Amino acid sequence: MEEIQFYLDEAKTDMEKSMQHTIIELSRIRAGRATTNMLDGIVVEYYGSPTPLNQMSSVTAPDARTIAIKPFDKKLIGEVEKAIRNSDLGVNPQNDGEMIRINIPPLSEERRKELVKRSRNEVESGKVSIRNVRKETNEALRKLLKEGASEDDIKRAEEKVQALTDQYIAKADELSAKKETEIMTI
């Protein structure tokens, strides 16, 4: 039945979106190395409107322990510095008047454990999102049953949705293990 396939395709697309979101969130958690995407969530007041940092400045990682930020408009260097300080990164930006440098200190054991916990929470949020997609798809399939679809077709479709769910949950667990290893490796 065409409608069943539509719901299955939609479920797969939505689960893939959940995975991509989880991957992005995990990439923001630092693992001891300086990466420019650590600053992706930082928003700066840019002439009265909140603007992502990477849209108003050049952000680079010249080495494994440093991030350099050069605002396009030097007048905003103080605002950029303030936004970084107020973020939850736990870093201390240094302003030399033209550029802001962030030295990424090596992670302590305690901080590593905090980051592992945070990454597990992100992965768990992704899993919940995947399970919600399964629930919504199954509800939509049951509505088709009321509209006259065969019970066997709906049952097979629900099994496919469960297989998809299992597949994406396994991917999320794999991501979690990989990130945990990355964080705990000194």
Protein backbone atom coordinates (compact mmCIF):
# COMPACT_ATOMS: atom_id res chain seq x y z
CA MET A 1 0.00 0.00 0.00
CA GLU A 2 1.35 3.40 -1.02
CA GLU A 3 0.37 5.22 2.17
CA ILE A 4 2.20 2.70 4.32
CA GLN A 5 5.40 3.18 2.31
CA PHE A 6 4.99 6.95 2.65
CA TYR A 7 4.90 6.65 6.46
CA LEU A 8 7.90 4.31 6.47
CA ASP A 9 9.93 6.71 4.30
CA GLU A 10 8.92 9.63 6.50
CA ALA A 11 9.94 7.71 9.64
CA LYS A 12 13.36 6.95 8.15
CA THR A 13 13.86 10.61 7.18
CA ASP A 14 12.86 11.84 10.65
CA MET A 15 15.10 9.30 12.39
CA GLU A 16 18.00 10.37 10.18
CA LYS A 17 17.36 14.01 11.14
CA SER A 18 17.44 13.01 14.81
CA MET A 19 20.78 11.27 14.28
CA GLN A 20 22.25 14.28 12.46
CA HIS A 21 21.14 16.57 15.28
CA THR A 22 22.77 14.25 17.82
CA ILE A 23 26.00 14.19 15.79
CA ILE A 24 26.05 18.00 15.69
CA GLU A 25 25.43 18.26 19.43
CA LEU A 26 28.19 15.75 20.17
CA SER A 27 30.62 17.65 17.96
CA ARG A 28 30.13 20.69 20.20
CA ILE A 29 31.41 18.77 23.21
CA ARG A 30 35.14 19.24 23.29
CA ALA A 31 37.40 16.26 23.72
CA GLY A 32 40.64 17.98 24.68
CA ARG A 33 41.37 19.37 21.21
CA ALA A 34 40.49 22.79 19.90
CA THR A 35 37.84 22.70 17.18
CA THR A 36 36.04 25.65 15.63
CA ASN A 37 32.62 24.01 15.98
CA MET A 38 32.97 24.28 19.78
CA LEU A 39 31.85 27.88 19.30
CA ASP A 40 28.86 27.11 17.04
CA GLY A 41 26.27 27.73 19.77
CA ILE A 42 27.64 31.16 20.75
CA VAL A 43 25.50 34.15 19.79
CA VAL A 44 26.75 37.77 19.95
CA GLU A 45 24.74 41.01 20.00
CA TYR A 46 25.62 42.47 16.60
CA TYR A 47 24.14 45.97 16.28
CA GLY A 48 21.04 45.02 18.22
CA SER A 49 20.38 41.59 16.74
CA PRO A 50 21.67 38.26 18.06
CA THR A 51 24.08 36.80 15.48
CA PRO A 52 25.99 33.50 15.52
CA LEU A 53 29.69 34.10 16.19
CA ASN A 54 30.81 32.30 13.02
CA GLN A 55 28.74 34.71 10.86
CA MET A 56 30.41 37.85 12.19
CA SER A 57 33.99 36.70 12.56
CA SER A 58 36.67 34.43 11.24
CA VAL A 59 37.11 31.43 13.54
CA THR A 60 40.19 29.21 13.12
CA ALA A 61 42.09 26.56 15.07
CA PRO A 62 45.77 27.26 14.33
CA ASP A 63 46.88 24.32 16.52
CA ALA A 64 45.41 21.58 18.71
CA ARG A 65 45.22 23.80 21.81
CA THR A 66 44.21 27.22 20.42
CA ILE A 67 41.19 28.83 18.76
CA ALA A 68 41.60 32.24 17.13
CA ILE A 69 38.63 34.55 16.53
CA LYS A 70 38.95 37.68 14.42
CA PRO A 71 35.71 39.73 14.26
CA PHE A 72 35.03 41.41 10.92
CA ASP A 73 34.23 44.60 12.85
CA LYS A 74 36.90 45.32 15.48
CA LYS A 75 34.49 47.45 17.53
CA LEU A 76 32.65 44.27 18.52
CA ILE A 77 35.66 42.47 20.00
CA GLY A 78 34.45 43.23 23.55
CA GLU A 79 30.97 41.83 22.81
CA VAL A 80 32.51 38.67 21.33
CA GLU A 81 34.75 38.23 24.37
CA LYS A 82 31.77 38.72 26.72
CA ALA A 83 29.67 36.16 24.81
CA ILE A 84 32.46 33.57 25.05
CA ARG A 85 32.94 34.20 28.78
CA ASN A 86 29.19 33.85 29.40
CA SER A 87 28.99 30.57 27.45
CA ASP A 88 29.17 27.17 29.15
CA LEU A 89 32.52 26.32 27.53
CA GLY A 90 34.52 27.07 30.65
CA VAL A 91 37.33 28.83 28.77
CA ASN A 92 39.08 32.16 29.30
CA PRO A 93 39.38 34.25 26.10
CA GLN A 94 42.35 36.63 25.72
CA ASN A 95 41.79 39.82 23.77
CA ASP A 96 44.78 41.55 22.12
CA GLY A 97 42.72 44.34 20.53
CA GLU A 98 42.56 42.73 17.07
CA MET A 99 41.93 39.09 17.78
CA ILE A 100 40.67 36.86 20.55
CA ARG A 101 42.64 33.75 21.41
CA ILE A 102 41.25 30.89 23.44
CA ASN A 103 43.74 28.46 24.90
CA ILE A 104 42.14 25.09 25.48
CA PRO A 105 43.60 23.57 28.65
CA PRO A 106 44.05 19.82 28.94
CA LEU A 107 41.02 18.22 30.54
CA SER A 108 41.11 17.08 34.14
CA GLU A 109 39.73 13.65 35.02
CA GLU A 110 36.72 15.28 36.69
CA ARG A 111 35.99 17.44 33.63
CA ARG A 112 36.32 14.40 31.34
CA LYS A 113 33.72 12.55 33.41
CA GLU A 114 31.40 15.59 33.23
CA LEU A 115 31.77 15.67 29.44
CA VAL A 116 31.08 11.93 29.16
CA LYS A 117 27.91 12.45 31.19
CA ARG A 118 26.89 15.36 28.94
CA SER A 119 27.54 13.33 25.79
CA ARG A 120 25.45 10.45 27.16
CA ASN A 121 22.61 12.91 27.81
CA GLU A 122 22.82 14.19 24.23
CA VAL A 123 22.73 10.64 22.87
CA GLU A 124 19.81 9.77 25.14
CA SER A 125 17.92 12.81 23.82
CA GLY A 126 18.57 11.54 20.30
CA LYS A 127 17.25 8.09 21.23
CA VAL A 128 14.11 9.61 22.76
CA SER A 129 13.57 11.55 19.55
CA ILE A 130 13.95 8.36 17.50
CA ARG A 131 11.47 6.55 19.74
CA ASN A 132 9.02 9.42 19.38
CA VAL A 133 9.24 9.06 15.60
CA ARG A 134 8.44 5.34 16.02
CA LYS A 135 5.46 6.14 18.23
CA GLU A 136 4.07 8.77 15.82
CA THR A 137 4.53 6.47 12.82
CA ASN A 138 2.82 3.56 14.55
CA GLU A 139 -0.09 5.81 15.50
CA ALA A 140 -0.41 6.94 11.87
CA LEU A 141 -0.33 3.31 10.72
CA ARG A 142 -3.08 2.38 13.18
CA LYS A 143 -5.22 5.16 11.73
CA LEU A 144 -4.76 3.54 8.32
CA LEU A 145 -6.03 0.29 9.85
CA LYS A 146 -9.23 2.11 10.88
CA GLU A 147 -9.49 3.48 7.34
CA GLY A 148 -9.54 -0.03 5.89
CA ALA A 149 -5.91 -1.14 5.44
CA SER A 150 -5.28 -4.83 6.04
CA GLU A 151 -4.14 -5.85 9.50
CA ASP A 152 -1.27 -7.93 8.06
CA ASP A 153 0.10 -4.97 6.09
CA ILE A 154 0.00 -2.75 9.17
CA LYS A 155 1.68 -5.44 11.29
CA ARG A 156 4.50 -5.81 8.72
CA ALA A 157 4.88 -2.03 8.56
CA GLU A 158 5.11 -1.80 12.36
CA GLU A 159 7.82 -4.49 12.30
CA LYS A 160 9.74 -2.44 9.70
CA VAL A 161 9.40 0.66 11.87
CA GLN A 162 10.75 -1.30 14.85
CA ALA A 163 13.68 -2.57 12.76
CA LEU A 164 14.44 1.00 11.69
CA THR A 165 14.24 2.15 15.30
CA ASP A 166 16.61 -0.62 16.42
CA GLN A 167 19.02 0.31 13.64
CA TYR A 168 19.14 4.00 14.59
CA ILE A 169 19.34 3.28 18.34
CA ALA A 170 22.36 1.03 17.62
CA LYS A 171 23.94 3.87 15.62
CA ALA A 172 23.37 6.23 18.55
CA ASP A 173 24.97 3.76 20.97
CA GLU A 174 27.94 3.45 18.61
CA LEU A 175 28.27 7.24 18.49
CA SER A 176 28.13 7.40 22.27
CA ALA A 177 30.87 4.81 22.71
CA LYS A 178 33.07 6.55 20.14
CA LYS A 179 32.64 9.98 21.77
CA GLU A 180 33.24 8.53 25.24
CA THR A 181 36.51 6.97 24.05
CA GLU A 182 37.51 10.24 22.41
CA ILE A 183 36.85 12.21 25.61
CA MET A 184 38.60 9.76 27.94
CA THR A 185 41.72 9.40 25.75
CA ILE A 186 44.45 11.65 27.10
